[in-house]
Amino acid sequence: MGFSVALNDISNLVNSIGYPVAVDRYRAYPAVFPQFTTVVGVDAATGEGTSDGLLGHREGDFVGGVAAEVSFGQPLQASTAGNGYLRQVKGRKYGGELIVPREAFATPQWQRTIGPRIERFVASTVTSIAQRKDQLAADVLQKGTLSAGHLATFDQSYSGAPWANGAKSYDNLSAFNAAHTLALSSTTFSNITVSLALSATNLATVQQTMMGTNNLDERGNKTLIIPNVLVVPPGLMNTALTIVNSALVPGSANNDSNTLQGMFRVVTNPFLSDDTDAWYVLASDSTPLLAIDSGEPTISTRETPDGQSIAIGVWAYFGCAPWLHQGMYACNKATS
């Protein structure tokens, strides 16, 4: 016995009901990850990067020449270029399916009876997809301190693009590490302090470290790093807002002027749950974290192989990875 209605009619109904719900629910969700990552579309390339569409994005960081002063009338000096670290982020497919038995379409009222189920399924799945995106971006921070790495978060391999670093970041170290290396220099730097509670003094210390010590390009030359984002779990939200918004230094004996006022944007991330007193500083203009995002979820309809059911799918692609260790710093977070 065949279906009482054509698959194309079912697909049209699913789309007419599902897409308005999907768009409304996705746009209403207060996504956290865009507040502290650089987000590009799944088909976008950055710099010398190569986009592999939904699969992922990779960039062999080409380190160009160094400018040198030349006398008037003299030719420019030749400089040696080089290749930096391979940076890569894979697109992860998040989604789910609703399986509807064929008998559900055998009644004249099938549109009225199945419609509400489709709405509820799409709404809940879209919210879950949005939450998975936020969780992955948060894990890049909180799992990034683990010295052993974290395979589920940092394995960026995808079809046609293997990832040699396994559970580690692009320099084959944890994303936050006390001895990060540079591609074309023997200089090392640290972007983690394991024991450092959030305070105005400690935030200023991290700010100066990022701007004056870690501000290095892959050759070890000084560059511009401007930390401006403070990412905290909910338990540190009030402390963070007080530090960056007060006109005077909180708790100071002499009512000193607060030099940090207005210098940081606080992002409260409820998906940071590994350590409730850990905090992270980012320099957003330096693209410390890159995210690829397909945006609003897609809805699909198919017949199951046995012909007995219709599968309604909702899915999206997302990926996130460290892109510049010098532009990120972790504090008060364990390495194991």
Protein backbone atom coordinates (compact mmCIF):
# COMPACT_ATOMS: atom_id res chain seq x y z
CA MET A 1 0.00 0.00 0.00
CA GLY A 2 1.40 3.41 -0.96
CA PHE A 3 1.16 6.73 0.76
CA SER A 4 -2.16 8.53 0.59
CA VAL A 5 -0.30 11.72 -0.33
CA ALA A 6 2.79 12.30 -2.43
CA LEU A 7 6.17 12.79 -0.76
CA ASN A 8 6.44 16.18 -2.45
CA ASP A 9 3.22 17.33 -0.79
CA ILE A 10 4.51 16.19 2.59
CA SER A 11 7.80 17.99 1.99
CA ASN A 12 5.97 21.19 1.08
CA LEU A 13 3.90 21.00 4.25
CA VAL A 14 6.96 20.35 6.39
CA ASN A 15 8.75 23.34 4.88
CA SER A 16 5.74 25.66 5.16
CA ILE A 17 5.30 24.76 8.82
CA GLY A 18 8.88 24.12 9.85
CA TYR A 19 10.88 26.97 8.35
CA PRO A 20 8.98 29.85 9.99
CA VAL A 21 9.33 28.09 13.33
CA ALA A 22 13.02 27.34 12.71
CA VAL A 23 13.85 30.91 11.74
CA ASP A 24 11.90 32.46 14.61
CA ARG A 25 13.34 30.09 17.22
CA TYR A 26 16.92 30.40 15.94
CA ARG A 27 16.85 34.20 15.78
CA ALA A 28 15.25 34.43 19.22
CA TYR A 29 17.97 32.30 20.81
CA PRO A 30 20.54 34.55 22.58
CA ALA A 31 23.64 32.93 21.10
CA VAL A 32 26.83 33.44 23.10
CA PHE A 33 29.52 32.29 20.67
CA PRO A 34 29.30 35.30 18.28
CA GLN A 35 30.20 37.54 21.23
CA PHE A 36 33.72 36.14 21.58
CA THR A 37 34.61 34.42 18.28
CA THR A 38 35.18 35.63 14.74
CA VAL A 39 32.37 34.01 12.74
CA VAL A 40 32.55 33.28 9.01
CA GLY A 41 30.15 31.45 6.75
CA VAL A 42 30.86 27.83 5.89
CA ASP A 43 31.85 28.87 2.35
CA ALA A 44 34.00 31.85 3.36
CA ALA A 45 37.80 31.94 3.12
CA THR A 46 40.00 34.18 5.25
CA GLY A 47 43.49 35.32 4.36
CA GLU A 48 45.32 32.51 2.58
CA GLY A 49 42.60 30.12 3.67
CA THR A 50 40.81 27.41 1.75
CA SER A 51 37.13 26.80 2.29
CA ASP A 52 35.86 23.25 1.94
CA GLY A 53 32.25 24.30 2.32
CA LEU A 54 30.32 22.44 4.99
CA LEU A 55 33.29 20.19 5.70
CA GLY A 56 35.56 22.85 7.14
CA HIS A 57 38.11 25.59 6.63
CA ARG A 58 41.92 25.50 6.68
CA GLU A 59 44.62 28.07 6.46
CA GLY A 60 48.34 27.49 5.99
CA ASP A 61 49.51 30.69 7.63
CA PHE A 62 51.83 32.28 5.07
CA VAL A 63 54.33 34.47 6.88
CA GLY A 64 55.23 37.25 4.47
CA GLY A 65 58.34 39.38 4.20
CA VAL A 66 59.55 42.01 6.64
CA ALA A 67 59.59 45.69 5.66
CA ALA A 68 63.03 47.32 5.71
CA GLU A 69 64.04 50.94 5.35
CA VAL A 70 65.72 51.75 2.04
CA SER A 71 67.45 54.90 0.91
CA PHE A 72 65.83 57.08 -1.69
CA GLY A 73 66.57 55.81 -5.16
CA GLN A 74 67.65 52.38 -3.94
CA PRO A 75 65.80 49.14 -4.74
CA LEU A 76 63.71 47.39 -2.12
CA GLN A 77 65.50 44.69 -0.21
CA ALA A 78 64.57 41.08 -0.83
CA SER A 79 63.12 39.31 2.21
CA THR A 80 62.54 35.67 2.96
CA ALA A 81 58.97 34.49 3.32
CA GLY A 82 57.92 31.33 5.11
CA ASN A 83 55.04 29.11 6.05
CA GLY A 84 53.49 29.26 9.49
CA TYR A 85 51.33 26.74 11.29
CA LEU A 86 48.41 25.02 9.60
CA ARG A 87 45.20 26.21 11.19
CA GLN A 88 42.08 24.19 10.58
CA VAL A 89 38.48 24.02 11.78
CA LYS A 90 36.08 21.28 10.81
CA GLY A 91 32.39 21.71 10.25
CA ARG A 92 30.41 19.55 12.66
CA LYS A 93 26.89 18.57 11.70
CA TYR A 94 24.35 18.94 14.49
CA GLY A 95 20.76 17.87 14.08
CA GLY A 96 18.07 15.27 14.51
CA GLU A 97 15.17 13.52 12.76
CA LEU A 98 11.52 12.97 13.51
CA ILE A 99 10.28 9.62 12.19
CA VAL A 100 6.59 9.67 11.30
CA PRO A 101 4.92 6.32 10.41
CA ARG A 102 3.24 6.18 7.03
CA GLU A 103 -0.12 5.45 8.65
CA ALA A 104 -0.15 8.99 10.02
CA PHE A 105 -0.64 10.28 6.49
CA ALA A 106 -3.55 7.97 5.68
CA THR A 107 -6.30 10.18 7.11
CA PRO A 108 -7.86 13.26 5.51
CA GLN A 109 -6.86 15.29 8.58
CA TRP A 110 -3.15 14.41 8.32
CA GLN A 111 -2.05 18.05 7.87
CA ARG A 112 -3.92 19.17 10.98
CA THR A 113 -2.78 16.27 13.15
CA ILE A 114 0.86 16.13 12.05
CA GLY A 115 1.44 19.89 11.81
CA PRO A 116 1.71 20.55 15.58
CA ARG A 117 4.14 17.65 15.98
CA ILE A 118 6.35 19.13 13.29
CA GLU A 119 6.27 22.53 14.98
CA ARG A 120 7.25 21.13 18.37
CA PHE A 121 10.01 18.97 16.90
CA VAL A 122 11.52 21.78 14.83
CA ALA A 123 11.41 24.25 17.71
CA SER A 124 13.11 21.93 20.21
CA THR A 125 15.72 20.70 17.71
CA VAL A 126 16.66 24.22 16.61
CA THR A 127 17.18 25.23 20.23
CA SER A 128 19.31 22.14 20.81
CA ILE A 129 21.44 22.91 17.74
CA ALA A 130 22.01 26.46 18.96
CA GLN A 131 23.02 25.15 22.37
CA ARG A 132 25.48 22.67 20.82
CA LYS A 133 27.17 25.54 19.00
CA ASP A 134 27.56 27.49 22.23
CA GLN A 135 28.84 24.43 24.07
CA LEU A 136 31.55 23.74 21.50
CA ALA A 137 32.78 27.34 21.54
CA ALA A 138 32.86 27.28 25.35
CA ASP A 139 34.75 23.99 25.32
CA VAL A 140 37.47 25.48 23.11
CA LEU A 141 38.15 27.76 26.08
CA GLN A 142 37.66 25.48 29.08
CA LYS A 143 39.08 22.30 27.50
CA GLY A 144 41.88 24.34 25.95
CA THR A 145 43.79 24.44 29.23
CA LEU A 146 44.15 20.66 29.49
CA SER A 147 47.79 19.76 28.93
CA ALA A 148 46.80 16.37 27.50
CA GLY A 149 44.44 18.06 25.06
CA HIS A 150 40.82 17.14 24.43
CA LEU A 151 40.13 15.05 21.35
CA ALA A 152 36.38 15.67 21.14
CA THR A 153 36.96 19.42 21.04
CA PHE A 154 40.24 19.86 19.15
CA ASP A 155 40.31 17.08 16.55
CA GLN A 156 39.82 19.18 13.42
CA SER A 157 40.21 16.41 10.84
CA TYR A 158 37.63 16.07 8.08
CA SER A 159 37.38 14.38 4.70
CA GLY A 160 40.42 15.28 2.61
CA ALA A 161 42.00 17.31 5.42
CA PRO A 162 43.66 15.22 8.16
CA TRP A 163 44.65 16.87 11.44
CA ALA A 164 48.10 15.79 12.63
CA ASN A 165 47.78 17.35 16.10
CA GLY A 166 45.01 15.10 17.38
CA ALA A 167 43.69 16.50 20.67
CA LYS A 168 45.92 19.60 20.57
CA SER A 169 45.82 23.05 19.00
CA TYR A 170 47.65 24.20 15.87
CA ASP A 171 51.17 24.23 17.40
CA ASN A 172 50.62 20.70 18.80
CA LEU A 173 50.21 22.08 22.32
CA SER A 174 47.14 22.79 24.42
CA ALA A 175 45.38 25.98 23.34
CA PHE A 176 46.42 27.60 26.62
CA ASN A 177 50.00 26.66 27.40
CA ALA A 178 52.98 28.00 29.36
CA ALA A 179 55.41 27.38 26.47
CA HIS A 180 53.70 28.17 23.18
CA THR A 181 55.99 28.17 20.17
CA LEU A 182 56.17 30.42 17.12
CA ALA A 183 56.45 29.08 13.58
CA LEU A 184 59.64 30.94 12.61
CA SER A 185 61.21 31.86 15.93
CA SER A 186 62.68 30.10 18.96
CA THR A 187 60.80 32.51 21.24
CA THR A 188 58.13 31.00 23.47
CA PHE A 189 55.30 32.61 25.40
CA SER A 190 52.66 31.69 27.97
CA ASN A 191 48.95 32.41 27.69
CA ILE A 192 47.79 30.80 30.94
CA THR A 193 48.11 31.45 34.67
CA VAL A 194 46.72 28.48 36.54
CA SER A 195 46.11 30.28 39.84
CA LEU A 196 44.94 33.86 39.39
CA ALA A 197 41.59 34.97 40.78
CA LEU A 198 39.62 37.62 38.92
CA SER A 199 40.33 41.09 40.28
CA ALA A 200 41.09 44.52 38.85
CA THR A 201 44.80 44.10 39.60
CA ASN A 202 45.00 40.67 38.01
CA LEU A 203 43.03 41.70 34.94
CA ALA A 204 45.42 44.61 34.45
CA THR A 205 48.37 42.21 34.75
CA VAL A 206 46.96 39.93 32.05
CA GLN A 207 46.20 42.95 29.88
CA GLN A 208 49.81 44.11 30.08
CA THR A 209 51.15 40.60 29.42
CA MET A 210 49.09 40.25 26.26
CA MET A 211 49.93 43.73 25.01
CA GLY A 212 53.60 43.83 25.96
CA THR A 213 54.90 40.25 26.11
CA ASN A 214 52.69 38.04 23.96
CA ASN A 215 52.31 40.58 21.17
CA LEU A 216 54.46 38.58 18.77
CA ASP A 217 54.07 37.53 15.16
CA GLU A 218 55.31 34.16 13.92
CA ARG A 219 58.82 35.58 13.42
CA GLY A 220 58.96 36.79 17.00
CA ASN A 221 58.60 40.45 16.02
CA LYS A 222 56.35 42.79 17.98
CA THR A 223 52.82 43.22 16.72
CA LEU A 224 49.55 44.73 17.97
CA ILE A 225 47.42 42.77 20.44
CA ILE A 226 44.60 44.68 22.15
CA PRO A 227 42.72 42.57 24.73
CA ASN A 228 39.13 43.77 24.92
CA VAL A 229 36.85 40.83 25.80
CA LEU A 230 36.47 39.23 29.22
CA VAL A 231 34.66 35.88 29.16
CA VAL A 232 33.39 34.57 32.50
CA PRO A 233 30.99 31.95 33.88
CA PRO A 234 27.81 33.23 35.57
CA GLY A 235 29.38 33.11 39.03
CA LEU A 236 31.91 35.78 38.05
CA MET A 237 29.52 38.02 36.12
CA ASN A 238 28.97 40.61 38.86
CA THR A 239 32.66 40.74 39.72
CA ALA A 240 33.59 41.22 36.07
CA LEU A 241 31.00 43.94 35.47
CA THR A 242 32.09 45.79 38.59
CA ILE A 243 35.74 45.70 37.52
CA VAL A 244 35.19 47.04 34.01
CA ASN A 245 32.35 49.48 34.68
CA SER A 246 33.31 51.20 37.93
CA ALA A 247 34.74 54.70 37.70
CA LEU A 248 36.92 53.99 40.73
CA VAL A 249 38.98 50.92 41.58
CA PRO A 250 36.67 48.60 43.55
CA GLY A 251 37.80 48.36 47.18
CA SER A 252 40.74 50.74 46.84
CA ALA A 253 41.67 52.72 49.95
CA ASN A 254 42.25 55.97 48.10
CA ASN A 255 39.39 55.78 45.58
CA ASP A 256 41.88 55.42 42.75
CA SER A 257 40.60 55.97 39.22
CA ASN A 258 39.76 52.70 37.49
CA THR A 259 41.96 52.59 34.39
CA LEU A 260 40.13 49.46 33.19
CA GLN A 261 36.78 51.23 32.92
CA GLY A 262 35.32 50.71 29.45
CA MET A 263 38.31 48.73 28.17
CA PHE A 264 36.65 45.30 28.21
CA ARG A 265 33.35 43.88 27.06
CA VAL A 266 32.09 41.25 29.49
CA VAL A 267 30.63 38.05 28.02
CA THR A 268 28.83 35.85 30.54
CA ASN A 269 28.93 32.30 29.25
CA PRO A 270 26.66 29.79 31.04
CA PHE A 271 28.33 26.93 29.14
CA LEU A 272 31.58 27.46 31.06
CA SER A 273 31.05 24.88 33.78
CA ASP A 274 34.38 23.04 34.23
CA ASP A 275 35.71 25.62 36.71
CA THR A 276 33.27 28.18 38.06
CA ASP A 277 36.03 30.68 38.92
CA ALA A 278 38.02 30.48 35.67
CA TRP A 279 38.12 33.50 33.36
CA TYR A 280 39.41 34.24 29.88
CA VAL A 281 40.69 37.35 28.13
CA LEU A 282 40.54 37.73 24.35
CA ALA A 283 41.73 40.27 21.80
CA SER A 284 38.82 40.11 19.36
CA ASP A 285 40.48 42.12 16.57
CA SER A 286 43.26 39.51 16.39
CA THR A 287 40.84 36.62 15.73
CA PRO A 288 41.91 34.39 18.61
CA LEU A 289 39.03 32.00 17.91
CA LEU A 290 37.54 31.27 14.49
CA ALA A 291 34.06 29.83 14.08
CA ILE A 292 32.45 28.62 10.87
CA ASP A 293 28.68 28.65 10.93
CA SER A 294 26.01 27.65 8.41
CA GLY A 295 23.55 29.88 10.25
CA GLU A 296 19.86 29.04 10.41
CA PRO A 297 19.18 25.29 10.36
CA THR A 298 18.08 23.43 7.24
CA ILE A 299 14.99 21.19 7.09
CA SER A 300 14.87 18.04 4.98
CA THR A 301 12.28 15.37 4.26
CA ARG A 302 12.96 11.83 3.05
CA GLU A 303 11.33 8.46 2.86
CA THR A 304 12.96 5.79 5.02
CA PRO A 305 14.57 2.87 3.13
CA ASP A 306 11.81 0.46 4.13
CA GLY A 307 9.16 2.80 2.77
CA GLN A 308 7.21 2.63 6.01
CA SER A 309 7.95 6.10 7.40
CA ILE A 310 8.86 9.68 6.61
CA ALA A 311 11.97 11.17 8.24
CA ILE A 312 11.90 14.91 8.90
CA GLY A 313 15.37 16.28 9.59
CA VAL A 314 16.65 19.54 11.07
CA TRP A 315 20.39 20.23 10.93
CA ALA A 316 23.17 22.82 10.73
CA TYR A 317 26.96 22.95 10.51
CA PHE A 318 29.27 24.63 12.97
CA GLY A 319 32.93 24.52 13.98
CA CYS A 320 35.27 26.44 16.27
CA ALA A 321 39.03 26.37 16.81
CA PRO A 322 41.88 28.52 18.19
CA TRP A 323 43.29 30.80 15.50
CA LEU A 324 45.85 32.95 17.37
CA HIS A 325 47.18 31.89 20.76
CA GLN A 326 48.73 35.31 21.34
CA GLY A 327 45.23 36.82 21.36
CA MET A 328 43.83 34.62 24.13
CA TYR A 329 44.64 34.11 27.82
CA ALA A 330 43.21 31.75 30.47
CA CYS A 331 43.28 32.37 34.21
CA ASN A 332 42.43 30.34 37.31
CA LYS A 333 41.95 27.17 35.29
CA ALA A 334 43.58 23.79 35.93
CA THR A 335 45.63 22.03 33.27
CA SER A 336 44.41 18.54 34.15
